[in-house]
Amino acid sequence: MGKIYILNENGDVSFFKTLQGATSFVEPIDVKNGEYELFDSNGVLIKLKSVKYNNKEEVVATSTDFKDEESLYMTLLDLCKYLKEHKNFSNKMFHIDCERKSLKQLIKVLTGLIGFED
């Protein structure tokens, strides 16, 4: 699978197969308020910006040179640990040792459990 896009809104994590899916999911006002972090599956931070186009607010994304795998990993690790304790996922997650997973493995496990928004 190619790049996956991970949107973090204060610990509420969503996964997207496309960058366009991620940008169409977010609200321009929330982007203006800095409520989101968007990463690709390699840990590269993607800057979101709200712009006016044809009298309509739209969200555009620009890849940065800033790679923050550790921040993304910690966000996904927290999500993995939460899901292990959550009653709807605990049986599916029983055998998964979140702390021993790499970033790529965490992404694979989590997208398999909660799926994609697009």
Protein backbone atom coordinates (compact mmCIF):
# COMPACT_ATOMS: atom_id res chain seq x y z
CA MET A 1 0.00 0.00 0.00
CA GLY A 2 1.17 3.53 -0.72
CA LYS A 3 1.23 6.42 1.69
CA ILE A 4 -1.43 6.65 4.33
CA TYR A 5 -2.43 9.97 5.83
CA ILE A 6 -3.00 10.24 9.56
CA LEU A 7 -5.05 13.10 10.96
CA ASN A 8 -4.77 13.86 14.66
CA GLU A 9 -7.30 16.11 16.34
CA ASN A 10 -6.20 16.16 19.99
CA GLY A 11 -5.85 12.38 20.13
CA ASP A 12 -8.84 11.64 17.91
CA VAL A 13 -7.08 9.87 15.05
CA SER A 14 -8.44 9.24 11.54
CA PHE A 15 -6.76 7.43 8.65
CA PHE A 16 -7.04 8.33 4.96
CA LYS A 17 -5.91 6.64 1.77
CA THR A 18 -5.58 9.96 -0.04
CA LEU A 19 -4.47 13.47 0.83
CA GLN A 20 -7.62 14.80 -0.82
CA GLY A 21 -9.70 12.62 1.49
CA ALA A 22 -7.99 14.13 4.51
CA THR A 23 -8.34 17.74 3.34
CA SER A 24 -12.01 17.32 2.47
CA PHE A 25 -12.68 15.78 5.90
CA VAL A 26 -11.52 18.78 7.93
CA GLU A 27 -13.34 22.06 8.48
CA PRO A 28 -11.59 25.27 7.34
CA ILE A 29 -12.43 27.04 10.61
CA ASP A 30 -10.82 24.21 12.60
CA VAL A 31 -7.74 24.43 10.38
CA LYS A 32 -7.54 28.17 11.08
CA ASN A 33 -7.77 27.39 14.80
CA GLY A 34 -4.88 24.90 14.55
CA GLU A 35 -6.90 21.92 15.75
CA TYR A 36 -5.28 19.34 13.45
CA GLU A 37 -1.96 17.66 12.83
CA LEU A 38 -1.66 15.76 9.57
CA PHE A 39 1.12 13.29 8.86
CA ASP A 40 1.93 10.88 6.10
CA SER A 41 2.82 7.31 7.05
CA ASN A 42 6.52 8.17 6.96
CA GLY A 43 6.06 10.71 9.76
CA VAL A 44 6.30 13.80 7.54
CA LEU A 45 4.19 16.66 8.85
CA ILE A 46 1.79 18.09 6.29
CA LYS A 47 0.78 21.72 6.74
CA LEU A 48 -2.92 22.49 6.42
CA LYS A 49 -4.08 25.93 5.43
CA SER A 50 -7.51 27.44 4.88
CA VAL A 51 -7.74 29.57 1.74
CA LYS A 52 -10.54 31.42 0.04
CA TYR A 53 -11.18 30.23 -3.53
CA ASN A 54 -14.16 31.47 -5.57
CA ASN A 55 -15.70 32.97 -2.41
CA LYS A 56 -15.50 29.59 -0.66
CA GLU A 57 -13.15 28.48 2.12
CA GLU A 58 -11.13 25.41 1.18
CA VAL A 59 -8.37 23.48 2.88
CA VAL A 60 -5.09 22.95 1.06
CA ALA A 61 -2.22 20.75 2.15
CA THR A 62 1.49 21.28 1.68
CA SER A 63 4.13 18.71 2.53
CA THR A 64 6.91 19.99 4.74
CA ASP A 65 10.50 18.91 5.25
CA PHE A 66 9.75 18.31 8.93
CA LYS A 67 9.68 14.64 9.87
CA ASP A 68 8.35 13.83 13.34
CA GLU A 69 8.05 10.06 13.48
CA GLU A 70 8.33 10.07 17.27
CA SER A 71 5.30 12.33 17.75
CA LEU A 72 3.23 10.28 15.30
CA TYR A 73 4.40 7.03 16.89
CA MET A 74 3.44 8.21 20.40
CA THR A 75 -0.01 9.32 19.20
CA LEU A 76 -0.62 5.94 17.56
CA LEU A 77 0.80 4.05 20.53
CA ASP A 78 -1.65 5.87 22.82
CA LEU A 79 -4.49 4.96 20.46
CA CYS A 80 -3.39 1.32 20.37
CA LYS A 81 -3.26 1.15 24.16
CA TYR A 82 -6.69 2.78 24.42
CA LEU A 83 -8.21 0.30 21.98
CA LYS A 84 -6.76 -2.64 23.92
CA GLU A 85 -8.78 -1.49 26.92
CA HIS A 86 -11.92 -0.54 25.00
CA LYS A 87 -14.63 -3.20 25.20
CA ASN A 88 -15.43 -3.16 21.46
CA PHE A 89 -11.82 -3.90 20.49
CA SER A 90 -10.33 -5.72 23.48
CA ASN A 91 -10.90 -9.24 22.07
CA LYS A 92 -9.36 -8.33 18.71
CA MET A 93 -6.43 -6.58 20.39
CA PHE A 94 -5.72 -9.13 23.15
CA HIS A 95 -2.63 -10.61 21.50
CA ILE A 96 -1.19 -7.32 20.22
CA ASP A 97 1.80 -5.87 22.09
CA CYS A 98 1.52 -2.21 21.09
CA GLU A 99 4.91 -1.24 22.51
CA ARG A 100 6.75 -3.79 20.35
CA LYS A 101 5.27 -2.52 17.10
CA SER A 102 7.11 -0.23 14.72
CA LEU A 103 5.40 2.83 13.27
CA LYS A 104 4.50 0.94 10.08
CA GLN A 105 3.18 -2.02 12.08
CA LEU A 106 1.04 0.23 14.29
CA ILE A 107 -0.45 1.88 11.21
CA LYS A 108 -1.25 -1.53 9.70
CA VAL A 109 -2.86 -2.83 12.90
CA LEU A 110 -4.89 0.32 13.52
CA THR A 111 -6.14 0.74 9.97
CA GLY A 112 -7.14 -2.92 10.01
CA LEU A 113 -9.20 -2.35 13.15
CA ILE A 114 -10.78 1.05 12.59
CA GLY A 115 -10.47 1.44 8.84
CA PHE A 116 -10.20 4.53 6.67
CA GLU A 117 -12.40 7.60 6.45
CA ASP A 118 -12.19 7.71 2.64
